[in-house]
């Protein structure tokens, strides 16, 4: 399920996983992932520094990787990345968004 706000930030959800990303030109830039069923301390990737003020189960990317790099950083979540890929292509093909 894809939802986009006015800043072109999109949320892709697959089961209990949510990826927040932006369409930057023709690239998907992944901002963060929320694993809603998880309670681990939030952290940055790739540095793995903890984020005690962020919601548990959150991974924040810094810098923002594209989809291929995000897959490499969190390879066990192909289901989420596949859903995001589908949303990415839908966003690219949406000619109404191109006028924004």
Protein backbone atom coordinates (compact mmCIF):
# COMPACT_ATOMS: atom_id res chain seq x y z
CA UNK A 1 0.00 0.00 0.00
CA UNK A 2 1.47 3.35 -1.06
CA UNK A 3 0.63 6.75 0.43
CA UNK A 4 2.31 9.99 -0.61
CA UNK A 5 2.26 13.39 1.11
CA UNK A 6 2.79 16.84 -0.43
CA UNK A 7 6.56 16.64 0.03
CA UNK A 8 6.61 13.55 -2.17
CA UNK A 9 7.41 11.38 0.80
CA UNK A 10 5.88 7.96 0.36
CA UNK A 11 5.08 5.20 2.82
CA UNK A 12 5.13 1.63 1.56
CA UNK A 13 3.76 -0.99 3.92
CA UNK A 14 4.11 -4.74 3.73
CA UNK A 15 2.66 -6.67 6.67
CA UNK A 16 4.26 -5.15 9.78
CA UNK A 17 7.03 -3.36 7.91
CA UNK A 18 6.86 0.24 6.71
CA UNK A 19 9.42 1.98 4.52
CA UNK A 20 9.41 5.77 4.24
CA UNK A 21 11.02 7.01 1.05
CA UNK A 22 11.14 9.87 -1.42
CA UNK A 23 11.21 9.99 -5.17
CA UNK A 24 14.29 12.11 -5.94
CA UNK A 25 14.45 12.60 -9.68
CA UNK A 26 14.15 9.04 -10.91
CA UNK A 27 15.61 7.41 -7.78
CA UNK A 28 13.92 6.12 -4.67
CA UNK A 29 15.77 7.38 -1.60
CA UNK A 30 14.99 5.35 1.51
CA UNK A 31 14.68 7.50 4.64
CA UNK A 32 13.74 4.93 7.27
CA UNK A 33 12.13 1.57 7.95
CA UNK A 34 9.79 0.78 10.83
CA UNK A 35 9.36 -2.81 11.96
CA UNK A 36 6.14 -2.41 13.94
CA UNK A 37 6.29 -5.85 15.54
CA UNK A 38 9.86 -5.31 16.79
CA UNK A 39 11.06 -3.58 19.94
CA UNK A 40 14.81 -3.23 19.34
CA UNK A 41 16.42 0.13 20.05
CA UNK A 42 16.22 2.34 16.97
CA UNK A 43 19.49 2.93 15.14
CA UNK A 44 21.17 4.60 12.14
CA UNK A 45 22.54 2.59 9.26
CA UNK A 46 25.25 2.10 8.17
CA UNK A 47 26.95 3.38 11.35
CA UNK A 48 24.66 1.35 13.68
CA UNK A 49 24.56 4.17 16.22
CA UNK A 50 21.55 4.01 18.51
CA UNK A 51 18.70 6.52 18.44
CA UNK A 52 17.21 6.47 21.91
CA UNK A 53 14.63 9.13 21.03
CA UNK A 54 13.22 7.30 17.99
CA UNK A 55 10.43 4.75 18.11
CA UNK A 56 11.66 1.21 18.88
CA UNK A 57 11.93 -0.99 15.81
CA UNK A 58 13.11 1.87 13.58
CA UNK A 59 16.11 1.94 11.27
CA UNK A 60 17.09 5.39 9.96
CA UNK A 61 19.35 5.54 6.93
CA UNK A 62 22.09 8.16 6.80
CA UNK A 63 22.84 8.96 4.05
CA UNK A 64 19.67 7.94 2.21
CA UNK A 65 20.41 4.89 0.05
CA UNK A 66 18.63 4.01 -3.15
CA UNK A 67 16.57 0.83 -3.27
CA UNK A 68 19.45 -1.41 -4.36
CA UNK A 69 21.69 -0.19 -1.53
CA UNK A 70 18.86 -0.53 1.02
CA UNK A 71 18.39 -4.14 -0.07
CA UNK A 72 22.08 -4.74 0.58
CA UNK A 73 21.91 -3.10 4.02
CA UNK A 74 18.80 -5.07 5.11
CA UNK A 75 18.80 -8.15 2.85
CA UNK A 76 16.34 -10.23 4.89
CA UNK A 77 13.42 -7.99 3.97
CA UNK A 78 12.92 -8.74 0.28
CA UNK A 79 9.15 -8.69 0.76
CA UNK A 80 9.24 -5.02 1.80
CA UNK A 81 11.77 -4.09 -0.89
CA UNK A 82 9.68 -5.83 -3.57
CA UNK A 83 6.58 -3.89 -2.44
CA UNK A 84 8.57 -0.66 -2.46
CA UNK A 85 9.89 -1.43 -5.94
CA UNK A 86 6.30 -1.84 -7.17
CA UNK A 87 5.30 1.47 -5.55
CA UNK A 88 8.38 3.14 -7.01
CA UNK A 89 7.47 2.08 -10.55
CA UNK A 90 3.85 3.14 -10.00
CA UNK A 91 5.09 6.56 -8.85
CA UNK A 92 7.39 6.87 -11.89
CA UNK A 93 4.58 6.00 -14.26
CA UNK A 94 2.09 8.40 -12.63
CA UNK A 95 2.10 11.34 -15.03
CA UNK A 96 0.14 13.52 -12.56
CA UNK A 97 3.14 13.38 -10.19
CA UNK A 98 5.50 14.51 -12.93
CA UNK A 99 3.81 17.92 -13.01
CA UNK A 100 4.47 18.54 -9.29
